[in-house]
Amino acid sequence: LRVMRIPFAEDPSNADEGFERVRMRKLLGALEEAG
């Protein structure tokens, strides 16, 4: 997107830890270090 200069929107709910998927997304960062 950045290279092609394509516009897009950031959904603020993607940072809302009230949603299970967002919590799993953040957990993935820690799990990545453990393989």
Full PDB file with SEQRES, HELIX, SHEET, SSBOND, CRYST1, ORIGX, SCALE, CONECT and MASTER records, all heavy atoms in Angstrom:
SEQRES   1 A   35  LEU ARG VAL MET ARG ILE PRO PHE ALA GLU ASP PRO SER          
SEQRES   2 A   35  ASN ALA ASP GLU GLY PHE GLU ARG VAL ARG MET ARG LYS          
SEQRES   3 A   35  LEU LEU GLY ALA LEU GLU GLU ALA GLY                          
HELIX    1 AA1 PRO A   12  ALA A   15  5                                   4    
HELIX    2 AA2 GLU A   20  GLU A   33  1                                  14    
CRYST1    1.000    1.000    1.000  90.00  90.00  90.00 P 1           1          
ORIGX1      1.000000  0.000000  0.000000        0.00000                         
ORIGX2      0.000000  1.000000  0.000000        0.00000                         
ORIGX3      0.000000  0.000000  1.000000        0.00000                         
SCALE1      1.000000  0.000000  0.000000        0.00000                         
SCALE2      0.000000  1.000000  0.000000        0.00000                         
SCALE3      0.000000  0.000000  1.000000        0.00000                         
ATOM      1  N   LEU A   1       0.821  -1.209   0.000  1.00  0.00           N  
ATOM      2  CA  LEU A   1       0.000   0.000   0.000  1.00  0.00           C  
ATOM      3  C   LEU A   1       0.855   1.260   0.000  1.00  0.00           C  
ATOM      4  O   LEU A   1       0.558   2.228  -0.716  1.00  0.00           O  
ATOM      5  CB  LEU A   1      -0.917  -0.001   1.226  1.00  0.00           C  
ATOM      6  CG  LEU A   1      -2.058  -1.026   1.247  1.00  0.00           C  
ATOM      7  CD1 LEU A   1      -2.726  -1.042   2.614  1.00  0.00           C  
ATOM      8  CD2 LEU A   1      -3.081  -0.720   0.163  1.00  0.00           C  
ATOM      9  N   ARG A   2       1.896   1.238   0.828  1.00  0.00           N  
ATOM     10  CA  ARG A   2       2.755   2.431   0.900  1.00  0.00           C  
ATOM     11  C   ARG A   2       3.490   2.666  -0.416  1.00  0.00           C  
ATOM     12  O   ARG A   2       3.573   3.810  -0.899  1.00  0.00           O  
ATOM     13  CB  ARG A   2       3.756   2.284   2.045  1.00  0.00           C  
ATOM     14  CG  ARG A   2       3.123   2.348   3.436  1.00  0.00           C  
ATOM     15  CD  ARG A   2       4.178   2.532   4.514  1.00  0.00           C  
ATOM     16  NE  ARG A   2       5.101   1.395   4.582  1.00  0.00           N  
ATOM     17  CZ  ARG A   2       4.905   0.320   5.335  1.00  0.00           C  
ATOM     18  NH1 ARG A   2       3.809   0.221   6.074  1.00  0.00           N  
ATOM     19  NH2 ARG A   2       5.793  -0.647   5.353  1.00  0.00           N  
ATOM     20  N   VAL A   3       4.028   1.604  -1.003  1.00  0.00           N  
ATOM     21  CA  VAL A   3       4.774   1.740  -2.262  1.00  0.00           C  
ATOM     22  C   VAL A   3       3.851   2.221  -3.381  1.00  0.00           C  
ATOM     23  O   VAL A   3       4.214   3.090  -4.181  1.00  0.00           O  
ATOM     24  CB  VAL A   3       5.435   0.398  -2.635  1.00  0.00           C  
ATOM     25  CG1 VAL A   3       5.980   0.444  -4.055  1.00  0.00           C  
ATOM     26  CG2 VAL A   3       6.545   0.054  -1.647  1.00  0.00           C  
ATOM     27  N   MET A   4       2.652   1.664  -3.440  1.00  0.00           N  
ATOM     28  CA  MET A   4       1.709   2.008  -4.508  1.00  0.00           C  
ATOM     29  C   MET A   4       0.888   3.257  -4.189  1.00  0.00           C  
ATOM     30  O   MET A   4       0.099   3.708  -5.014  1.00  0.00           O  
ATOM     31  CB  MET A   4       0.766   0.827  -4.761  1.00  0.00           C  
ATOM     32  CG  MET A   4       1.469  -0.470  -5.119  1.00  0.00           C  
ATOM     33  SD  MET A   4       2.432  -0.366  -6.634  1.00  0.00           S  
ATOM     34  CE  MET A   4       1.124  -0.227  -7.836  1.00  0.00           C  
ATOM     35  N   ARG A   5       1.080   3.802  -2.976  1.00  0.00           N  
ATOM     36  CA  ARG A   5       0.360   5.000  -2.530  1.00  0.00           C  
ATOM     37  C   ARG A   5      -1.156   4.827  -2.641  1.00  0.00           C  
ATOM     38  O   ARG A   5      -1.879   5.673  -3.172  1.00  0.00           O  
ATOM     39  CB  ARG A   5       0.820   6.218  -3.322  1.00  0.00           C  
ATOM     40  CG  ARG A   5       2.286   6.532  -3.114  1.00  0.00           C  
ATOM     41  CD  ARG A   5       2.692   7.815  -3.772  1.00  0.00           C  
ATOM     42  NE  ARG A   5       4.097   8.107  -3.510  1.00  0.00           N  
ATOM     43  CZ  ARG A   5       4.745   9.202  -3.950  1.00  0.00           C  
ATOM     44  NH1 ARG A   5       4.074  10.100  -4.671  1.00  0.00           N  
ATOM     45  NH2 ARG A   5       6.016   9.379  -3.663  1.00  0.00           N  
ATOM     46  N   ILE A   6      -1.606   3.713  -2.095  1.00  0.00           N  
ATOM     47  CA  ILE A   6      -3.034   3.386  -2.099  1.00  0.00           C  
ATOM     48  C   ILE A   6      -3.624   3.814  -0.766  1.00  0.00           C  
ATOM     49  O   ILE A   6      -3.100   3.459   0.292  1.00  0.00           O  
ATOM     50  CB  ILE A   6      -3.230   1.873  -2.316  1.00  0.00           C  
ATOM     51  CG1 ILE A   6      -2.644   1.458  -3.667  1.00  0.00           C  
ATOM     52  CG2 ILE A   6      -4.709   1.501  -2.224  1.00  0.00           C  
ATOM     53  CD1 ILE A   6      -2.503  -0.032  -3.834  1.00  0.00           C  
ATOM     54  N   PRO A   7      -4.699   4.575  -0.774  1.00  0.00           N  
ATOM     55  CA  PRO A   7      -5.292   5.024   0.494  1.00  0.00           C  
ATOM     56  C   PRO A   7      -5.967   3.873   1.231  1.00  0.00           C  
ATOM     57  O   PRO A   7      -6.480   2.942   0.614  1.00  0.00           O  
ATOM     58  CB  PRO A   7      -6.325   6.063   0.044  1.00  0.00           C  
ATOM     59  CG  PRO A   7      -6.704   5.627  -1.338  1.00  0.00           C  
ATOM     60  CD  PRO A   7      -5.451   5.057  -1.951  1.00  0.00           C  
ATOM     61  N   PHE A   8      -5.963   3.930   2.546  1.00  0.00           N  
ATOM     62  CA  PHE A   8      -6.682   2.952   3.351  1.00  0.00           C  
ATOM     63  C   PHE A   8      -6.976   3.559   4.715  1.00  0.00           C  
ATOM     64  O   PHE A   8      -6.381   4.564   5.104  1.00  0.00           O  
ATOM     65  CB  PHE A   8      -5.894   1.641   3.498  1.00  0.00           C  
ATOM     66  CG  PHE A   8      -4.634   1.751   4.316  1.00  0.00           C  
ATOM     67  CD1 PHE A   8      -4.632   1.393   5.660  1.00  0.00           C  
ATOM     68  CD2 PHE A   8      -3.438   2.205   3.742  1.00  0.00           C  
ATOM     69  CE1 PHE A   8      -3.472   1.475   6.420  1.00  0.00           C  
ATOM     70  CE2 PHE A   8      -2.281   2.293   4.494  1.00  0.00           C  
ATOM     71  CZ  PHE A   8      -2.298   1.941   5.834  1.00  0.00           C  
ATOM     72  N   ALA A   9      -7.885   2.937   5.422  1.00  0.00           N  
ATOM     73  CA  ALA A   9      -8.305   3.434   6.738  1.00  0.00           C  
ATOM     74  C   ALA A   9      -7.825   2.487   7.824  1.00  0.00           C  
ATOM     75  O   ALA A   9      -7.765   1.267   7.612  1.00  0.00           O  
ATOM     76  CB  ALA A   9      -9.826   3.572   6.792  1.00  0.00           C  
ATOM     77  N   GLU A  10      -7.522   3.047   8.993  1.00  0.00           N  
ATOM     78  CA  GLU A  10      -7.175   2.240  10.156  1.00  0.00           C  
ATOM     79  C   GLU A  10      -8.419   2.131  11.044  1.00  0.00           C  
ATOM     80  O   GLU A  10      -8.964   3.144  11.478  1.00  0.00           O  
ATOM     81  CB  GLU A  10      -6.027   2.873  10.937  1.00  0.00           C  
ATOM     82  CG  GLU A  10      -4.674   2.764  10.260  1.00  0.00           C  
ATOM     83  CD  GLU A  10      -4.095   1.355  10.294  1.00  0.00           C  
ATOM     84  OE1 GLU A  10      -4.784   0.429  10.777  1.00  0.00           O  
ATOM     85  OE2 GLU A  10      -2.959   1.172   9.821  1.00  0.00           O  
ATOM     86  N   ASP A  11      -8.857   0.904  11.298  1.00  0.00           N  
ATOM     87  CA  ASP A  11     -10.025   0.672  12.140  1.00  0.00           C  
ATOM     88  C   ASP A  11      -9.609   0.747  13.605  1.00  0.00           C  
ATOM     89  O   ASP A  11      -8.811  -0.079  14.066  1.00  0.00           O  
ATOM     90  CB  ASP A  11     -10.604  -0.710  11.822  1.00  0.00           C  
ATOM     91  CG  ASP A  11     -11.880  -1.015  12.598  1.00  0.00           C  
ATOM     92  OD1 ASP A  11     -12.215  -0.251  13.515  1.00  0.00           O  
ATOM     93  OD2 ASP A  11     -12.533  -2.030  12.277  1.00  0.00           O  
ATOM     94  N   PRO A  12     -10.099   1.718  14.368  1.00  0.00           N  
ATOM     95  CA  PRO A  12      -9.689   1.838  15.773  1.00  0.00           C  
ATOM     96  C   PRO A  12     -10.077   0.635  16.623  1.00  0.00           C  
ATOM     97  O   PRO A  12      -9.462   0.395  17.667  1.00  0.00           O  
ATOM     98  CB  PRO A  12     -10.423   3.101  16.254  1.00  0.00           C  
ATOM     99  CG  PRO A  12     -11.544   3.308  15.278  1.00  0.00           C  
ATOM    100  CD  PRO A  12     -11.050   2.779  13.978  1.00  0.00           C  
ATOM    101  N   SER A  13     -11.058  -0.127  16.197  1.00  0.00           N  
ATOM    102  CA  SER A  13     -11.437  -1.313  16.974  1.00  0.00           C  
ATOM    103  C   SER A  13     -10.349  -2.380  16.951  1.00  0.00           C  
ATOM    104  O   SER A  13     -10.355  -3.297  17.772  1.00  0.00           O  
ATOM    105  CB  SER A  13     -12.752  -1.897  16.447  1.00  0.00           C  
ATOM    106  OG  SER A  13     -12.597  -2.386  15.127  1.00  0.00           O  
ATOM    107  N   ASN A  14      -9.380  -2.261  16.016  1.00  0.00           N  
ATOM    108  CA  ASN A  14      -8.273  -3.207  15.967  1.00  0.00           C  
ATOM    109  C   ASN A  14      -7.343  -3.066  17.173  1.00  0.00           C  
ATOM    110  O   ASN A  14      -6.458  -3.900  17.368  1.00  0.00           O  
ATOM    111  CB  ASN A  14      -7.465  -3.024  14.673  1.00  0.00           C  
ATOM    112  CG  ASN A  14      -8.215  -3.558  13.464  1.00  0.00           C  
ATOM    113  OD1 ASN A  14      -9.052  -4.452  13.586  1.00  0.00           O  
ATOM    114  ND2 ASN A  14      -7.922  -3.003  12.301  1.00  0.00           N  
ATOM    115  N   ALA A  15      -7.515  -2.012  17.948  1.00  0.00           N  
ATOM    116  CA  ALA A  15      -6.720  -1.823  19.161  1.00  0.00           C  
ATOM    117  C   ALA A  15      -7.543  -2.022  20.425  1.00  0.00           C  
ATOM    118  O   ALA A  15      -7.045  -1.844  21.538  1.00  0.00           O  
ATOM    119  CB  ALA A  15      -6.101  -0.421  19.160  1.00  0.00           C  
ATOM    120  N   ASP A  16      -8.797  -2.413  20.271  1.00  0.00           N  
ATOM    121  CA  ASP A  16      -9.707  -2.569  21.413  1.00  0.00           C  
ATOM    122  C   ASP A  16      -9.586  -3.984  21.981  1.00  0.00           C  
ATOM    123  O   ASP A  16     -10.061  -4.948  21.383  1.00  0.00           O  
ATOM    124  CB  ASP A  16     -11.146  -2.300  20.964  1.00  0.00           C  
ATOM    125  CG  ASP A  16     -12.138  -2.334  22.113  1.00  0.00           C  
ATOM    126  OD1 ASP A  16     -11.748  -2.728  23.240  1.00  0.00           O  
ATOM    127  OD2 ASP A  16     -13.310  -1.985  21.889  1.00  0.00           O  
ATOM    128  N   GLU A  17      -8.968  -4.107  23.137  1.00  0.00           N  
ATOM    129  CA  GLU A  17      -8.747  -5.421  23.728  1.00  0.00           C  
ATOM    130  C   GLU A  17     -10.020  -6.026  24.317  1.00  0.00           C  
ATOM    131  O   GLU A  17      -9.992  -7.120  24.891  1.00  0.00           O  
ATOM    132  CB  GLU A  17      -7.656  -5.341  24.795  1.00  0.00           C  
ATOM    133  CG  GLU A  17      -6.291  -5.028  24.218  1.00  0.00           C  
ATOM    134  CD  GLU A  17      -5.163  -5.272  25.208  1.00  0.00           C  
ATOM    135  OE1 GLU A  17      -5.279  -6.176  26.060  1.00  0.00           O  
ATOM    136  OE2 GLU A  17      -4.162  -4.552  25.124  1.00  0.00           O  
ATOM    137  N   GLY A  18     -11.120  -5.337  24.180  1.00  0.00           N  
ATOM    138  CA  GLY A  18     -12.392  -5.933  24.537  1.00  0.00           C  
ATOM    139  C   GLY A  18     -12.792  -7.030  23.563  1.00  0.00           C  
ATOM    140  O   GLY A  18     -13.658  -7.861  23.872  1.00  0.00           O  
ATOM    141  N   PHE A  19     -12.160  -7.051  22.383  1.00  0.00           N  
ATOM    142  CA  PHE A  19     -12.416  -8.072  21.382  1.00  0.00           C  
ATOM    143  C   PHE A  19     -11.374  -9.183  21.487  1.00  0.00           C  
ATOM    144  O   PHE A  19     -10.174  -8.918  21.571  1.00  0.00           O  
ATOM    145  CB  PHE A  19     -12.388  -7.483  19.974  1.00  0.00           C  
ATOM    146  CG  PHE A  19     -13.495  -6.485  19.709  1.00  0.00           C  
ATOM    147  CD1 PHE A  19     -13.186  -5.164  19.427  1.00  0.00           C  
ATOM    148  CD2 PHE A  19     -14.819  -6.868  19.754  1.00  0.00           C  
ATOM    149  CE1 PHE A  19     -14.189  -4.241  19.185  1.00  0.00           C  
ATOM    150  CE2 PHE A  19     -15.840  -5.953  19.515  1.00  0.00           C  
ATOM    151  CZ  PHE A  19     -15.516  -4.635  19.231  1.00  0.00           C  
ATOM    152  N   GLU A  20     -11.854 -10.411  21.450  1.00  0.00           N  
ATOM    153  CA  GLU A  20     -10.947 -11.559  21.592  1.00  0.00           C  
ATOM    154  C   GLU A  20      -9.884 -11.581  20.508  1.00  0.00           C  
ATOM    155  O   GLU A  20      -8.714 -11.879  20.774  1.00  0.00           O  
ATOM    156  CB  GLU A  20     -11.763 -12.859  21.541  1.00  0.00           C  
ATOM    157  CG  GLU A  20     -10.919 -14.110  21.701  1.00  0.00           C  
ATOM    158  CD  GLU A  20     -11.702 -15.391  21.470  1.00  0.00           C  
ATOM    159  OE1 GLU A  20     -12.780 -15.317  20.839  1.00  0.00           O  
ATOM    160  OE2 GLU A  20     -11.234 -16.456  21.904  1.00  0.00           O  
ATOM    161  N   ARG A  21     -10.271 -11.257  19.265  1.00  0.00           N  
ATOM    162  CA  ARG A  21      -9.289 -11.316  18.182  1.00  0.00           C  
ATOM    163  C   ARG A  21      -8.140 -10.342  18.408  1.00  0.00           C  
ATOM    164  O   ARG A  21      -6.989 -10.644  18.089  1.00  0.00           O  
ATOM    165  CB  ARG A  21      -9.974 -11.042  16.835  1.00  0.00           C  
ATOM    166  CG  ARG A  21      -9.033 -11.157  15.645  1.00  0.00           C  
ATOM    167  CD  ARG A  21      -9.784 -11.098  14.335  1.00  0.00           C  
ATOM    168  NE  ARG A  21     -10.592 -12.275  14.095  1.00  0.00           N  
ATOM    169  CZ  ARG A  21     -10.129 -13.418  13.590  1.00  0.00           C  
ATOM    170  NH1 ARG A  21      -8.836 -13.537  13.285  1.00  0.00           N  
ATOM    171  NH2 ARG A  21     -10.932 -14.432  13.378  1.00  0.00           N  
ATOM    172  N   VAL A  22      -8.439  -9.191  18.957  1.00  0.00           N  
ATOM    173  CA  VAL A  22      -7.381  -8.209  19.231  1.00  0.00           C  
ATOM    174  C   VAL A  22      -6.426  -8.749  20.302  1.00  0.00           C  
ATOM    175  O   VAL A  22      -5.205  -8.592  20.206  1.00  0.00           O  
ATOM    176  CB  VAL A  22      -7.991  -6.865  19.662  1.00  0.00           C  
ATOM    177  CG1 VAL A  22      -6.894  -5.879  20.060  1.00  0.00           C  
ATOM    178  CG2 VAL A  22      -8.838  -6.288  18.533  1.00  0.00           C  
ATOM    179  N   ARG A  23      -6.977  -9.396  21.315  1.00  0.00           N  
ATOM    180  CA  ARG A  23      -6.119  -9.985  22.360  1.00  0.00           C  
ATOM    181  C   ARG A  23      -5.232 -11.078  21.772  1.00  0.00           C  
ATOM    182  O   ARG A  23      -4.054 -11.181  22.124  1.00  0.00           O  
ATOM    183  CB  ARG A  23      -6.980 -10.548  23.489  1.00  0.00           C  
ATOM    184  CG  ARG A  23      -7.799  -9.494  24.233  1.00  0.00           C  
ATOM    185  CD  ARG A  23      -8.348 -10.023  25.540  1.00  0.00           C  
ATOM    186  NE  ARG A  23      -9.269 -11.149  25.367  1.00  0.00           N  
ATOM    187  CZ  ARG A  23     -10.572 -11.025  25.144  1.00  0.00           C  
ATOM    188  NH1 ARG A  23     -11.123  -9.818  25.056  1.00  0.00           N  
ATOM    189  NH2 ARG A  23     -11.336 -12.089  25.015  1.00  0.00           N  
ATOM    190  N   MET A  24      -5.769 -11.890  20.878  1.00  0.00           N  
ATOM    191  CA  MET A  24      -4.960 -12.930  20.236  1.00  0.00           C  
ATOM    192  C   MET A  24      -3.882 -12.312  19.354  1.00  0.00           C  
ATOM    193  O   MET A  24      -2.764 -12.825  19.264  1.00  0.00           O  
ATOM    194  CB  MET A  24      -5.858 -13.847  19.401  1.00  0.00           C  
ATOM    195  CG  MET A  24      -6.846 -14.664  20.197  1.00  0.00           C  
ATOM    196  SD  MET A  24      -6.088 -15.790  21.398  1.00  0.00           S  
ATOM    197  CE  MET A  24      -6.482 -14.928  22.936  1.00  0.00           C  
ATOM    198  N   ARG A  25      -4.219 -11.210  18.706  1.00  0.00           N  
ATOM    199  CA  ARG A  25      -3.248 -10.522  17.841  1.00  0.00           C  
ATOM    200  C   ARG A  25      -2.046 -10.059  18.657  1.00  0.00           C  
ATOM    201  O   ARG A  25      -0.894 -10.187  18.232  1.00  0.00           O  
ATOM    202  CB  ARG A  25      -3.945  -9.342  17.157  1.00  0.00           C  
ATOM    203  CG  ARG A  25      -3.124  -8.635  16.095  1.00  0.00           C  
ATOM    204  CD  ARG A  25      -4.026  -7.672  15.336  1.00  0.00           C  
ATOM    205  NE  ARG A  25      -5.125  -8.399  14.687  1.00  0.00           N  
ATOM    206  CZ  ARG A  25      -6.224  -7.824  14.217  1.00  0.00           C  
ATOM    207  NH1 ARG A  25      -6.394  -6.523  14.332  1.00  0.00           N  
ATOM    208  NH2 ARG A  25      -7.165  -8.547  13.653  1.00  0.00           N  
ATOM    209  N   LYS A  26      -2.305  -9.526  19.830  1.00  0.00           N  
ATOM    210  CA  LYS A  26      -1.213  -9.057  20.683  1.00  0.00           C  
ATOM    211  C   LYS A  26      -0.442 -10.232  21.268  1.00  0.00           C  
ATOM    212  O   LYS A  26       0.781 -10.165  21.425  1.00  0.00           O  
ATOM    213  CB  LYS A  26      -1.777  -8.167  21.780  1.00  0.00           C  
ATOM    214  CG  LYS A  26      -2.369  -6.872  21.228  1.00  0.00           C  
ATOM    215  CD  LYS A  26      -2.642  -5.843  22.298  1.00  0.00           C  
ATOM    216  CE  LYS A  26      -3.089  -4.525  21.663  1.00  0.00           C  
ATOM    217  NZ  LYS A  26      -3.310  -3.462  22.652  1.00  0.00           N  
ATOM    218  N   LEU A  27      -1.134 -11.306  21.574  1.00  0.00           N  
ATOM    219  CA  LEU A  27      -0.467 -12.495  22.092  1.00  0.00           C  
ATOM    220  C   LEU A  27       0.474 -13.095  21.070  1.00  0.00           C  
ATOM    221  O   LEU A  27       1.533 -13.637  21.416  1.00  0.00           O  
ATOM    222  CB  LEU A  27      -1.523 -13.525  22.506  1.00  0.00           C  
ATOM    223  CG  LEU A  27      -1.028 -14.870  23.048  1.00  0.00           C  
ATOM    224  CD1 LEU A  27      -0.165 -14.655  24.295  1.00  0.00           C  
ATOM    225  CD2 LEU A  27      -2.204 -15.790  23.340  1.00  0.00           C  
ATOM    226  N   LEU A  28       0.118 -13.002  19.790  1.00  0.00           N  
ATOM    227  CA  LEU A  28       0.964 -13.560  18.736  1.00  0.00           C  
ATOM    228  C   LEU A  28       2.362 -12.965  18.752  1.00  0.00           C  
ATOM    229  O   LEU A  28       3.343 -13.648  18.438  1.00  0.00           O  
ATOM    230  CB  LEU A  28       0.322 -13.322  17.364  1.00  0.00           C  
ATOM    231  CG  LEU A  28      -0.584 -14.425  16.822  1.00  0.00           C  
ATOM    232  CD1 LEU A  28      -1.252 -13.975  15.541  1.00  0.00           C  
ATOM    233  CD2 LEU A  28       0.211 -15.698  16.590  1.00  0.00           C  
ATOM    234  N   GLY A  29       2.469 -11.680  19.121  1.00  0.00           N  
ATOM    235  CA  GLY A  29       3.778 -11.045  19.174  1.00  0.00           C  
ATOM    236  C   GLY A  29       4.699 -11.748  20.152  1.00  0.00           C  
ATOM    237  O   GLY A  29       5.880 -12.001  19.858  1.00  0.00           O  
ATOM    238  N   ALA A  30       4.167 -12.098  21.321  1.00  0.00           N  
ATOM    239  CA  ALA A  30       4.974 -12.795  22.326  1.00  0.00           C  
ATOM    240  C   ALA A  30       5.259 -14.233  21.894  1.00  0.00           C  
ATOM    241  O   ALA A  30       6.365 -14.754  22.106  1.00  0.00           O  
ATOM    242  CB  ALA A  30       4.247 -12.775  23.668  1.00  0.00           C  
ATOM    243  N   LEU A  31       4.281 -14.874  21.280  1.00  0.00           N  
ATOM    244  CA  LEU A  31       4.463 -16.259  20.860  1.00  0.00           C  
ATOM    245  C   LEU A  31       5.492 -16.377  19.734  1.00  0.00           C  
ATOM    246  O   LEU A  31       6.168 -17.406  19.612  1.00  0.00           O  
ATOM    247  CB  LEU A  31       3.127 -16.837  20.395  1.00  0.00           C  
ATOM    248  CG  LEU A  31       2.067 -17.040  21.482  1.00  0.00           C  
ATOM    249  CD1 LEU A  31       0.757 -17.501  20.855  1.00  0.00           C  
ATOM    250  CD2 LEU A  31       2.538 -18.049  22.515  1.00  0.00           C  
ATOM    251  N   GLU A  32       5.592 -15.342  18.910  1.00  0.00           N  
ATOM    252  CA  GLU A  32       6.550 -15.356  17.798  1.00  0.00           C  
ATOM    253  C   GLU A  32       7.962 -15.592  18.312  1.00  0.00           C  
ATOM    254  O   GLU A  32       8.751 -16.339  17.704  1.00  0.00           O  
ATOM    255  CB  GLU A  32       6.459 -14.032  17.039  1.00  0.00           C  
ATOM    256  CG  GLU A  32       7.134 -14.043  15.678  1.00  0.00           C  
ATOM    257  CD  GLU A  32       6.248 -14.639  14.593  1.00  0.00           C  
ATOM    258  OE1 GLU A  32       5.110 -14.181  14.420  1.00  0.00           O  
ATOM    259  OE2 GLU A  32       6.728 -15.565  13.910  1.00  0.00           O  
ATOM    260  N   GLU A  33       8.292 -14.960  19.433  1.00  0.00           N  
ATOM    261  CA  GLU A  33       9.635 -15.095  19.999  1.00  0.00           C  
ATOM    262  C   GLU A  33       9.912 -16.518  20.454  1.00  0.00           C  
ATOM    263  O   GLU A  33      11.063 -16.950  20.512  1.00  0.00           O  
ATOM    264  CB  GLU A  33       9.797 -14.125  21.167  1.00  0.00           C  
ATOM    265  CG  GLU A  33       9.677 -12.659  20.767  1.00  0.00           C  
ATOM    266  CD  GLU A  33       9.767 -11.727  21.967  1.00  0.00           C  
ATOM    267  OE1 GLU A  33      10.033 -12.243  23.087  1.00  0.00           O  
ATOM    268  OE2 GLU A  33       9.594 -10.516  21.785  1.00  0.00           O  
ATOM    269  N   ALA A  34       8.849 -17.263  20.782  1.00  0.00           N  
ATOM    270  CA  ALA A  34       9.016 -18.644  21.241  1.00  0.00           C  
ATOM    271  C   ALA A  34       8.875 -19.646  20.092  1.00  0.00           C  
ATOM    272  O   ALA A  34       8.825 -20.853  20.323  1.00  0.00           O  
ATOM    273  CB  ALA A  34       7.989 -18.948  22.325  1.00  0.00           C  
ATOM    274  N   GLY A  35       8.785 -19.138  18.862  1.00  0.00           N  
ATOM    275  CA  GLY A  35       8.659 -20.016  17.709  1.00  0.00           C  
ATOM    276  C   GLY A  35       7.254 -20.499  17.445  1.00  0.00           C  
ATOM    277  O   GLY A  35       7.041 -21.442  16.667  1.00  0.00           O  
TER     278      GLY A  35                                                      
MASTER        0    0    0    2    0    0    0    6  277    1    0    3          
END                                                                             
